[in-house]
Amino acid sequence: MAFRDLQHFIQVLEERGELKRIKTPVSRELEITEITDRVSKAYGPALLFENVEGYDMPVLTNAFGSYERMCLALGVEDLDDIGAEILSFLQPPEVPTSMLDKLKALPKVAQLANFMPKVVKKGICQEVVHTEPNLDILPVLKCWPQDGGPFITLPMVFTKDPETGKRNVGMYRMQVFDGRTTGMHWHMHKHGAEHYRANKRRNQRMEVAVALGGDPAITYAATAPLPKDVDEMFFAGFLRKEPVELVKCKTVDIEVPARAEIIIEGYVNPDELRVEGPFGDHTGYYSLADKYPVFHVTCITHRKNPVYPATIVGKPPMEDCYMGKATERIFLPLLKMQLPEIVDMNLPLEGVFHNCAIVSIKKSYPGHAKKVMHALWGMGQMMFTKLIIVVDETVDVQNLSEVMWKVFNNIDARRDITIVDGPLDVLDHASPLPNYGHKMGIDATKKWPSEGHTREWPDDIVMTDEIKALVDRKWQDYGIE
């Protein structure tokens, strides 16, 4: 189902018992974080803080903080369903060969047009307009003790390529410096940073708009690792099965979701940097202070009685883990299109999605596991993966105990460990140099004689199906609780 907006999503969460309203007065500094962190670790509900000290706006946290809520947000019973549907558009069951086949395929292709965003004249995100804007009206959270200040943590940042006019929507944290300026923490590898560099080459300031809230599918789309030329608002329309309505901003030439809760408009100067951070990040560590561009606010608009959405990140599991898991399942079929030998993939929560990937493969030739490692390191944001573990197709990669059993028993260190140099995520703190370092691949597959393993490889210990069935039938007779 497509949610009208964030408040519709909140309503449905409450109807399903997935939301807790907190009426006790709470502080935006650290207290909301500590409450949310405890609830996240206990796999608890979304939280709506209705009495934030000093503010009229309620604060929503942990809205995506479970597999059930993530599925609800994207309108599916199972996250794998989205990837399968994407694949159905890219790989129809039968390749059309005759004119009749091509005509039959047209409705499927035409359906994509229904997901394109459309511009409307008015939007509830502009019910209230502050032409003399002050960020102090927003209950922006200071999350962790060593944070450099309060941070907007769930922003959808809209920019345009100055050469092509194409839109990008990314999610980049924003430290609030004062009532009119914030940091703009876009990493060098992100498309928003590409737009910044393109504007800098032209020595012109860059218009930016930030949307907070809306249909949760729109928020998720801002985090998705889409190819450069795929519009996030088109992808959001695909997820929600309805086009995203956009409205033009008041002071910048950018369209934003018409049913967002809050819009912050402004610009970034080409050569202005300011120290931003530290920030308690999704790695579970503080990302260190560094210089980033400065966002100047020119206007704030919002709906009447808006809700301020925020996410708390830190040591997993946290809310962002489930957004990451959605990405894992949604984009796995696309990965398998490039590497059909892949059976399944697990990005463990503890690996914070760019530090570890476990993949199972149908091994077909000597060195196949190492071929897969190098192929993955060459694919988009998979280049950041510090550790890739490859196992045979019979191994359940979602069962970490089974995976580690294979790793601990199946490897010869010199033969099966691969170390490569390459780019790393900006948030990686362990490499000697920022953004660049070493990555490791572990081949935990069964080794073949053609790979130099001439000794006999033992079979796994497995009971016969007949004895399993016998014990199943007699289990109650044994008297074992």
Protein backbone atom coordinates (compact mmCIF):
# COMPACT_ATOMS: atom_id res chain seq x y z
CA MET A 1 0.00 0.00 0.00
CA ALA A 2 1.06 3.60 -0.60
CA PHE A 3 0.95 5.77 2.49
CA ARG A 4 -0.31 9.31 1.96
CA ASP A 5 2.44 10.67 4.17
CA LEU A 6 4.35 10.07 7.39
CA GLN A 7 1.35 10.73 9.61
CA HIS A 8 -0.66 8.11 7.74
CA PHE A 9 2.19 5.66 8.39
CA ILE A 10 2.13 6.60 12.09
CA GLN A 11 -1.61 5.96 12.17
CA VAL A 12 -1.21 2.48 10.67
CA LEU A 13 1.69 1.67 13.01
CA GLU A 14 -0.49 2.54 15.98
CA GLU A 15 -3.43 0.50 14.69
CA ARG A 16 -1.11 -2.52 14.45
CA GLY A 17 0.35 -2.06 17.93
CA GLU A 18 3.72 -1.06 16.46
CA LEU A 19 3.87 2.45 17.98
CA LYS A 20 4.27 3.74 21.54
CA ARG A 21 3.36 7.33 22.42
CA ILE A 22 5.61 8.89 25.06
CA LYS A 23 3.80 11.68 26.87
CA THR A 24 6.39 12.24 29.63
CA PRO A 25 8.53 15.37 29.03
CA VAL A 26 11.86 14.41 27.44
CA SER A 27 14.95 16.30 26.33
CA ARG A 28 16.21 16.31 22.75
CA GLU A 29 19.75 16.17 24.15
CA LEU A 30 20.76 12.55 24.80
CA GLU A 31 17.56 11.46 26.59
CA ILE A 32 15.59 10.56 23.46
CA THR A 33 18.64 8.66 22.20
CA GLU A 34 19.01 6.61 25.38
CA ILE A 35 15.32 5.69 25.36
CA THR A 36 15.39 4.78 21.67
CA ASP A 37 18.60 2.80 22.01
CA ARG A 38 17.14 0.65 24.79
CA VAL A 39 13.96 0.05 22.78
CA SER A 40 15.94 -0.76 19.61
CA LYS A 41 18.12 -3.29 21.41
CA ALA A 42 14.96 -4.90 22.82
CA TYR A 43 13.41 -5.07 19.31
CA GLY A 44 10.65 -2.75 20.48
CA PRO A 45 8.13 -0.45 18.78
CA ALA A 46 8.36 2.87 17.00
CA LEU A 47 8.36 5.79 19.43
CA LEU A 48 6.46 9.07 19.17
CA PHE A 49 7.71 11.60 21.73
CA GLU A 50 4.80 14.01 22.14
CA ASN A 51 6.31 16.28 24.80
CA VAL A 52 9.81 17.36 23.79
CA GLU A 53 10.95 20.05 26.21
CA GLY A 54 10.95 23.47 24.57
CA TYR A 55 9.30 22.39 21.31
CA ASP A 56 5.83 22.04 19.84
CA MET A 57 6.73 19.30 17.36
CA PRO A 58 6.61 15.65 18.37
CA VAL A 59 9.63 13.50 17.45
CA LEU A 60 9.32 10.09 15.78
CA THR A 61 12.12 7.51 16.16
CA ASN A 62 12.58 3.80 15.40
CA ALA A 63 9.85 3.85 12.75
CA PHE A 64 11.76 1.37 10.57
CA GLY A 65 13.20 -0.58 13.50
CA SER A 66 12.01 -4.12 12.72
CA TYR A 67 11.65 -6.42 9.72
CA GLU A 68 7.87 -6.18 10.09
CA ARG A 69 7.84 -2.38 10.03
CA MET A 70 10.31 -2.30 7.15
CA CYS A 71 8.03 -4.58 5.12
CA LEU A 72 5.02 -2.47 6.08
CA ALA A 73 6.84 0.70 5.03
CA LEU A 74 7.53 -0.75 1.58
CA GLY A 75 4.16 -2.45 1.18
CA VAL A 76 5.28 -6.08 0.98
CA GLU A 77 4.98 -9.27 2.99
CA ASP A 78 8.62 -10.19 2.33
CA LEU A 79 11.49 -7.90 1.33
CA ASP A 80 12.59 -10.43 -1.29
CA ASP A 81 9.34 -9.72 -3.16
CA ILE A 82 10.62 -6.29 -4.25
CA GLY A 83 13.79 -7.67 -5.79
CA ALA A 84 11.80 -10.34 -7.60
CA GLU A 85 9.48 -7.70 -9.04
CA ILE A 86 12.40 -5.56 -10.21
CA LEU A 87 13.81 -8.64 -11.90
CA SER A 88 10.50 -9.30 -13.65
CA PHE A 89 10.83 -5.96 -15.44
CA LEU A 90 14.48 -6.50 -16.33
CA GLN A 91 14.18 -10.19 -17.20
CA PRO A 92 10.70 -11.12 -18.45
CA PRO A 93 10.02 -14.88 -18.27
CA GLU A 94 10.20 -15.16 -22.06
CA VAL A 95 12.23 -12.95 -24.36
CA PRO A 96 9.78 -11.55 -26.95
CA THR A 97 10.73 -12.75 -30.42
CA SER A 98 7.59 -12.30 -32.51
CA MET A 99 5.60 -9.09 -33.01
CA LEU A 100 2.78 -10.60 -30.94
CA ASP A 101 5.18 -11.33 -28.06
CA LYS A 102 6.41 -7.75 -28.19
CA LEU A 103 2.87 -6.40 -28.09
CA LYS A 104 2.11 -8.60 -25.08
CA ALA A 105 5.14 -7.14 -23.29
CA LEU A 106 4.06 -3.54 -23.84
CA PRO A 107 1.68 -3.30 -20.83
CA LYS A 108 4.50 -4.34 -18.50
CA VAL A 109 6.78 -1.65 -19.90
CA ALA A 110 3.99 0.92 -19.93
CA GLN A 111 3.36 0.25 -16.25
CA LEU A 112 6.69 1.89 -15.45
CA ALA A 113 5.33 5.20 -16.70
CA ASN A 114 2.80 5.12 -13.87
CA PHE A 115 5.63 5.40 -11.34
CA MET A 116 7.15 8.62 -12.69
CA PRO A 117 6.93 11.56 -10.24
CA LYS A 118 4.53 14.35 -11.09
CA VAL A 119 4.69 18.03 -10.19
CA VAL A 120 1.66 19.59 -8.49
CA LYS A 121 0.90 23.23 -7.75
CA LYS A 122 0.35 22.93 -4.01
CA GLY A 123 1.59 20.69 -1.24
CA ILE A 124 0.88 20.35 2.47
CA CYS A 125 4.61 20.69 3.06
CA GLN A 126 4.10 24.42 2.36
CA GLU A 127 1.09 25.08 4.57
CA VAL A 128 3.34 27.20 6.80
CA VAL A 129 6.16 29.30 5.28
CA HIS A 130 9.03 30.85 7.24
CA THR A 131 10.77 33.36 4.94
CA GLU A 132 12.90 34.43 7.92
CA PRO A 133 13.92 30.87 8.77
CA ASN A 134 15.35 29.65 12.05
CA LEU A 135 16.33 26.05 12.57
CA ASP A 136 15.72 26.50 16.28
CA ILE A 137 12.03 25.70 15.66
CA LEU A 138 13.03 22.08 14.95
CA PRO A 139 13.69 19.62 17.82
CA VAL A 140 16.95 18.43 16.26
CA LEU A 141 18.54 15.75 18.44
CA LYS A 142 21.94 15.69 20.04
CA CYS A 143 22.36 11.94 20.10
CA TRP A 144 25.62 10.99 21.83
CA PRO A 145 27.81 12.70 24.48
CA GLN A 146 30.76 13.48 22.19
CA ASP A 147 28.67 14.67 19.23
CA GLY A 148 29.76 18.05 17.91
CA GLY A 149 26.20 19.34 18.25
CA PRO A 150 22.66 18.46 17.25
CA PHE A 151 22.32 16.54 13.96
CA ILE A 152 19.49 16.16 11.48
CA THR A 153 19.74 12.40 10.97
CA LEU A 154 16.95 11.46 8.54
CA PRO A 155 17.13 14.11 5.79
CA MET A 156 16.31 13.57 2.15
CA VAL A 157 18.78 15.90 0.43
CA PHE A 158 17.69 17.03 -3.06
CA THR A 159 20.29 18.35 -5.52
CA LYS A 160 20.62 18.75 -9.28
CA ASP A 161 23.46 18.08 -11.68
CA PRO A 162 24.25 21.56 -13.08
CA GLU A 163 25.16 20.05 -16.46
CA THR A 164 22.22 17.71 -17.04
CA GLY A 165 19.61 19.00 -14.58
CA LYS A 166 19.08 15.45 -13.31
CA ARG A 167 17.93 15.10 -9.72
CA ASN A 168 19.63 13.19 -6.96
CA VAL A 169 18.23 12.41 -3.54
CA GLY A 170 20.63 11.20 -0.85
CA MET A 171 20.68 10.93 2.91
CA TYR A 172 23.54 12.90 4.44
CA ARG A 173 23.64 13.90 8.08
CA MET A 174 23.49 17.63 8.84
CA GLN A 175 25.04 19.16 11.97
CA VAL A 176 23.15 22.28 13.01
CA PHE A 177 25.71 25.06 13.56
CA ASP A 178 23.19 27.84 14.27
CA GLY A 179 19.71 28.96 13.26
CA ARG A 180 20.69 29.49 9.61
CA THR A 181 23.51 27.06 8.81
CA THR A 182 24.30 23.35 8.98
CA GLY A 183 27.03 21.04 7.78
CA MET A 184 26.43 18.98 4.65
CA HIS A 185 28.15 15.65 5.24
CA TRP A 186 28.19 14.14 1.77
CA HIS A 187 31.02 11.67 1.29
CA MET A 188 33.29 12.03 -1.73
CA HIS A 189 31.85 8.85 -3.30
CA LYS A 190 28.22 10.03 -3.20
CA HIS A 191 26.25 11.52 -6.07
CA GLY A 192 25.43 14.63 -4.02
CA ALA A 193 29.16 15.26 -3.68
CA GLU A 194 29.52 14.87 -7.47
CA HIS A 195 26.95 17.63 -7.93
CA TYR A 196 28.87 19.77 -5.43
CA ARG A 197 32.13 19.29 -7.34
CA ALA A 198 30.39 20.09 -10.65
CA ASN A 199 29.09 23.37 -9.21
CA LYS A 200 32.50 24.11 -7.73
CA ARG A 201 34.10 23.75 -11.17
CA ARG A 202 31.65 26.38 -12.39
CA ASN A 203 32.39 28.54 -9.33
CA GLN A 204 28.69 28.82 -8.60
CA ARG A 205 26.71 28.20 -5.47
CA MET A 206 24.64 25.04 -5.36
CA GLU A 207 20.94 25.04 -4.57
CA VAL A 208 19.83 22.35 -2.12
CA ALA A 209 16.51 21.35 -0.60
CA VAL A 210 16.03 19.01 2.36
CA ALA A 211 12.81 17.11 2.97
CA LEU A 212 11.92 15.54 6.32
CA GLY A 213 9.16 12.95 6.49
CA GLY A 214 6.70 11.69 3.89
CA ASP A 215 5.67 8.25 2.72
CA PRO A 216 8.35 5.96 4.23
CA ALA A 217 9.05 4.53 0.77
CA ILE A 218 10.39 7.95 -0.21
CA THR A 219 12.66 8.05 2.83
CA TYR A 220 13.99 4.58 2.04
CA ALA A 221 14.58 5.50 -1.61
CA ALA A 222 16.97 8.26 -0.48
CA THR A 223 19.19 5.57 1.09
CA ALA A 224 19.10 3.08 -1.78
CA PRO A 225 22.35 2.48 -3.75
CA LEU A 226 20.80 3.28 -7.11
CA PRO A 227 22.77 3.75 -10.33
CA LYS A 228 23.63 7.37 -11.03
CA ASP A 229 20.93 8.01 -13.63
CA VAL A 230 18.04 6.29 -11.81
CA ASP A 231 15.79 8.90 -10.16
CA GLU A 232 15.13 8.10 -6.50
CA MET A 233 11.63 9.59 -6.81
CA PHE A 234 10.88 7.21 -9.69
CA PHE A 235 12.15 4.32 -7.53
CA ALA A 236 9.96 5.52 -4.66
CA GLY A 237 6.99 5.54 -7.04
CA PHE A 238 7.83 1.97 -8.04
CA LEU A 239 7.93 0.94 -4.37
CA ARG A 240 4.66 2.64 -3.44
CA LYS A 241 2.92 1.80 -6.77
CA GLU A 242 1.84 5.42 -7.08
CA PRO A 243 3.76 8.42 -8.38
CA VAL A 244 5.39 10.73 -5.86
CA GLU A 245 3.83 14.18 -6.00
CA LEU A 246 6.40 16.97 -6.03
CA VAL A 247 6.01 20.69 -5.47
CA LYS A 248 8.46 23.44 -6.39
CA CYS A 249 10.32 25.08 -3.51
CA LYS A 250 9.80 28.73 -2.60
CA THR A 251 13.39 30.00 -2.88
CA VAL A 252 15.30 27.37 -4.91
CA ASP A 253 14.63 25.72 -8.27
CA ILE A 254 14.08 22.23 -6.86
CA GLU A 255 10.97 20.06 -6.49
CA VAL A 256 10.36 18.21 -3.22
CA PRO A 257 7.73 15.72 -1.96
CA ALA A 258 4.49 17.65 -1.64
CA ARG A 259 3.35 15.68 1.41
CA ALA A 260 6.58 15.90 3.40
CA GLU A 261 6.42 17.14 6.98
CA ILE A 262 9.15 19.78 6.74
CA ILE A 263 11.21 21.34 3.92
CA ILE A 264 14.47 23.23 4.45
CA GLU A 265 15.62 25.24 1.43
CA GLY A 266 19.01 26.78 0.87
CA TYR A 267 22.37 26.67 -0.84
CA VAL A 268 25.99 25.59 -0.49
CA ASN A 269 28.86 27.90 -1.49
CA PRO A 270 31.59 26.34 -3.67
CA ASP A 271 34.58 27.07 -1.42
CA GLU A 272 33.13 27.32 2.08
CA LEU A 273 34.06 24.53 4.49
CA ARG A 274 33.56 24.23 8.24
CA VAL A 275 34.58 21.65 10.81
CA GLU A 276 31.72 19.18 11.33
CA GLY A 277 31.56 16.39 13.91
CA PRO A 278 32.35 14.25 15.80
CA PHE A 279 29.21 12.16 15.38
CA GLY A 280 28.21 8.85 16.99
CA ASP A 281 27.79 6.85 13.81
CA HIS A 282 26.19 3.59 12.63
CA THR A 283 29.54 1.82 12.96
CA GLY A 284 29.16 2.06 16.73
CA TYR A 285 32.11 4.46 16.85
CA TYR A 286 32.36 8.22 16.60
CA SER A 287 33.22 9.46 13.13
CA LEU A 288 35.84 12.13 13.68
CA ALA A 289 35.55 15.85 13.06
CA ASP A 290 36.50 17.03 9.58
CA LYS A 291 35.79 19.88 7.18
CA TYR A 292 32.63 19.70 5.09
CA PRO A 293 30.55 22.13 3.02
CA VAL A 294 28.17 24.55 4.76
CA PHE A 295 24.45 24.62 3.99
CA HIS A 296 22.81 28.07 4.28
CA VAL A 297 19.06 28.09 4.95
CA THR A 298 16.92 30.48 2.92
CA CYS A 299 13.44 29.22 3.81
CA ILE A 300 11.67 26.65 5.98
CA THR A 301 8.21 25.37 5.15
CA HIS A 302 6.14 22.71 6.87
CA ARG A 303 2.66 21.32 7.20
CA LYS A 304 0.44 22.39 10.06
CA ASN A 305 1.26 20.35 13.16
CA PRO A 306 4.26 18.53 11.66
CA VAL A 307 6.07 15.52 13.11
CA TYR A 308 9.88 15.68 13.19
CA PRO A 309 11.36 12.32 12.05
CA ALA A 310 14.76 11.20 13.33
CA THR A 311 16.84 8.06 13.44
CA ILE A 312 19.32 7.05 16.11
CA VAL A 313 22.43 5.23 14.92
CA GLY A 314 25.07 3.52 17.03
CA LYS A 315 26.14 0.02 17.99
CA PRO A 316 23.95 -2.49 16.11
CA PRO A 317 21.22 -3.52 16.12
CA MET A 318 19.64 -0.13 15.47
CA GLU A 319 16.92 1.13 13.17
CA ASP A 320 19.28 1.62 10.22
CA CYS A 321 20.11 -2.11 10.29
CA TYR A 322 16.67 -2.95 8.95
CA MET A 323 16.95 -0.35 6.19
CA GLY A 324 20.27 -1.94 5.27
CA LYS A 325 18.72 -5.40 5.27
CA ALA A 326 16.02 -4.14 2.92
CA THR A 327 18.77 -3.00 0.54
CA GLU A 328 20.43 -6.41 0.80
CA ARG A 329 17.29 -8.28 -0.21
CA ILE A 330 16.02 -5.78 -2.81
CA PHE A 331 19.28 -5.54 -4.73
CA LEU A 332 20.39 -9.18 -4.45
CA PRO A 333 18.58 -10.19 -7.68
CA LEU A 334 20.38 -7.39 -9.56
CA LEU A 335 23.67 -8.65 -8.17
CA LYS A 336 22.79 -12.16 -9.32
CA MET A 337 22.12 -10.85 -12.82
CA GLN A 338 25.79 -9.88 -12.99
CA LEU A 339 27.02 -12.90 -11.04
CA PRO A 340 24.51 -15.74 -11.57
CA GLU A 341 26.67 -18.14 -9.57
CA ILE A 342 25.67 -16.32 -6.37
CA VAL A 343 22.99 -18.20 -4.41
CA ASP A 344 22.49 -15.90 -1.45
CA MET A 345 24.13 -13.03 0.42
CA ASN A 346 24.19 -11.86 4.02
CA LEU A 347 25.44 -8.46 5.12
CA PRO A 348 25.64 -9.09 8.89
CA LEU A 349 24.35 -6.38 11.19
CA GLU A 350 27.66 -6.43 13.04
CA GLY A 351 29.46 -5.60 9.79
CA VAL A 352 27.39 -2.40 9.43
CA PHE A 353 26.77 -3.32 5.77
CA HIS A 354 30.03 -2.06 4.29
CA ASN A 355 32.50 -4.07 6.38
CA CYS A 356 31.44 -7.67 5.74
CA ALA A 357 29.60 -9.64 3.07
CA ILE A 358 28.98 -13.39 3.14
CA VAL A 359 28.02 -15.00 -0.16
CA SER A 360 27.25 -18.57 -1.17
CA ILE A 361 28.03 -19.67 -4.71
CA LYS A 362 27.55 -22.58 -7.10
CA LYS A 363 31.22 -23.33 -7.51
CA SER A 364 32.05 -24.44 -11.07
CA TYR A 365 35.80 -24.14 -11.57
CA PRO A 366 39.08 -23.66 -9.71
CA GLY A 367 39.44 -20.18 -8.22
CA HIS A 368 35.74 -19.45 -8.64
CA ALA A 369 35.42 -18.02 -5.11
CA LYS A 370 38.25 -15.55 -5.75
CA LYS A 371 36.69 -14.49 -9.03
CA VAL A 372 33.49 -13.64 -7.14
CA MET A 373 35.40 -11.63 -4.51
CA HIS A 374 37.08 -9.44 -7.11
CA ALA A 375 33.84 -9.03 -9.08
CA LEU A 376 32.01 -7.83 -5.95
CA TRP A 377 34.76 -5.34 -5.11
CA GLY A 378 34.21 -3.89 -8.57
CA MET A 379 30.48 -3.27 -8.14
CA GLY A 380 29.34 0.15 -6.93
CA GLN A 381 29.27 0.51 -3.16
CA MET A 382 30.44 -3.09 -2.75
CA MET A 383 33.91 -1.59 -3.29
CA PHE A 384 33.86 -0.57 0.39
CA THR A 385 33.45 -4.14 1.69
CA LYS A 386 36.43 -4.88 3.94
CA LEU A 387 35.74 -8.60 4.29
CA ILE A 388 34.12 -10.97 1.80
CA ILE A 389 33.52 -14.57 2.84
CA VAL A 390 32.62 -17.06 0.12
CA VAL A 391 31.04 -20.43 0.96
CA ASP A 392 29.50 -23.29 -1.01
CA GLU A 393 25.85 -23.22 -2.10
CA THR A 394 24.83 -25.75 0.59
CA VAL A 395 25.77 -23.32 3.37
CA ASP A 396 23.04 -21.09 4.83
CA VAL A 397 24.68 -17.66 4.81
CA GLN A 398 21.99 -16.32 7.15
CA ASN A 399 23.21 -18.77 9.83
CA LEU A 400 26.40 -17.16 11.16
CA SER A 401 27.22 -20.20 13.28
CA GLU A 402 27.20 -22.43 10.20
CA VAL A 403 29.26 -19.91 8.24
CA MET A 404 31.88 -19.59 10.96
CA TRP A 405 32.08 -23.38 11.27
CA LYS A 406 33.01 -23.52 7.59
CA VAL A 407 35.47 -20.62 7.87
CA PHE A 408 37.21 -21.99 10.94
CA ASN A 409 37.56 -25.49 9.48
CA ASN A 410 37.85 -25.08 5.71
CA ILE A 411 40.65 -22.60 5.19
CA ASP A 412 44.38 -22.85 4.75
CA ALA A 413 45.52 -19.32 5.51
CA ARG A 414 48.16 -18.94 2.82
CA ARG A 415 46.02 -20.48 0.09
CA ASP A 416 42.58 -19.14 0.95
CA ILE A 417 43.14 -15.56 2.16
CA THR A 418 43.23 -12.78 -0.42
CA ILE A 419 44.38 -9.26 0.48
CA VAL A 420 43.77 -6.36 -1.91
CA ASP A 421 44.23 -2.60 -1.82
CA GLY A 422 41.43 -0.23 -2.69
CA PRO A 423 38.92 2.44 -1.65
CA LEU A 424 37.26 2.23 1.76
CA ASP A 425 34.23 3.92 3.24
CA VAL A 426 34.87 7.41 4.60
CA LEU A 427 33.74 6.22 8.04
CA ASP A 428 36.37 3.48 8.26
CA HIS A 429 38.65 4.35 11.19
CA ALA A 430 40.99 1.34 11.09
CA SER A 431 42.90 1.99 7.87
CA PRO A 432 46.23 3.86 8.11
CA LEU A 433 45.01 6.33 5.45
CA PRO A 434 41.54 7.82 5.14
CA ASN A 435 39.34 6.38 2.37
CA TYR A 436 41.98 3.87 1.22
CA GLY A 437 43.32 0.64 2.63
CA HIS A 438 43.31 -3.14 2.58
CA LYS A 439 40.44 -5.57 2.11
CA MET A 440 40.34 -9.31 2.69
CA GLY A 441 38.61 -12.20 0.99
CA ILE A 442 38.20 -15.63 2.59
CA ASP A 443 37.56 -18.64 0.38
CA ALA A 444 35.78 -21.09 2.71
CA THR A 445 34.52 -23.35 -0.08
CA LYS A 446 35.47 -27.02 -0.39
CA LYS A 447 38.83 -27.22 -2.15
CA TRP A 448 39.31 -29.31 -5.27
CA PRO A 449 42.36 -31.23 -6.51
CA SER A 450 42.47 -28.75 -9.40
CA GLU A 451 43.04 -26.04 -6.81
CA GLY A 452 46.08 -27.85 -5.46
CA HIS A 453 44.32 -29.77 -2.65
CA THR A 454 45.33 -33.35 -3.45
CA ARG A 455 44.33 -34.77 -0.08
CA GLU A 456 40.88 -36.33 0.38
CA TRP A 457 38.26 -33.79 1.57
CA PRO A 458 35.98 -35.24 4.28
CA ASP A 459 32.20 -35.19 4.04
CA ASP A 460 30.02 -33.25 6.48
CA ILE A 461 28.46 -35.38 9.20
CA VAL A 462 24.78 -35.80 8.31
CA MET A 463 22.26 -38.36 9.61
CA THR A 464 20.29 -40.43 7.10
CA ASP A 465 16.78 -39.28 6.17
CA GLU A 466 15.33 -42.65 7.26
CA ILE A 467 16.64 -42.35 10.83
CA LYS A 468 15.52 -38.74 11.05
CA ALA A 469 12.01 -39.76 10.03
CA LEU A 470 12.04 -42.67 12.51
CA VAL A 471 13.03 -40.42 15.40
CA ASP A 472 10.43 -37.85 14.36
CA ARG A 473 7.70 -40.50 14.57
CA LYS A 474 8.84 -41.83 17.95
CA TRP A 475 9.82 -38.50 19.57
CA GLN A 476 6.91 -38.30 22.00
CA ASP A 477 7.48 -41.91 23.04
CA TYR A 478 10.98 -41.05 24.26
CA GLY A 479 9.51 -38.87 26.99
CA ILE A 480 11.96 -36.06 26.30
CA GLU A 481 10.49 -32.62 26.96
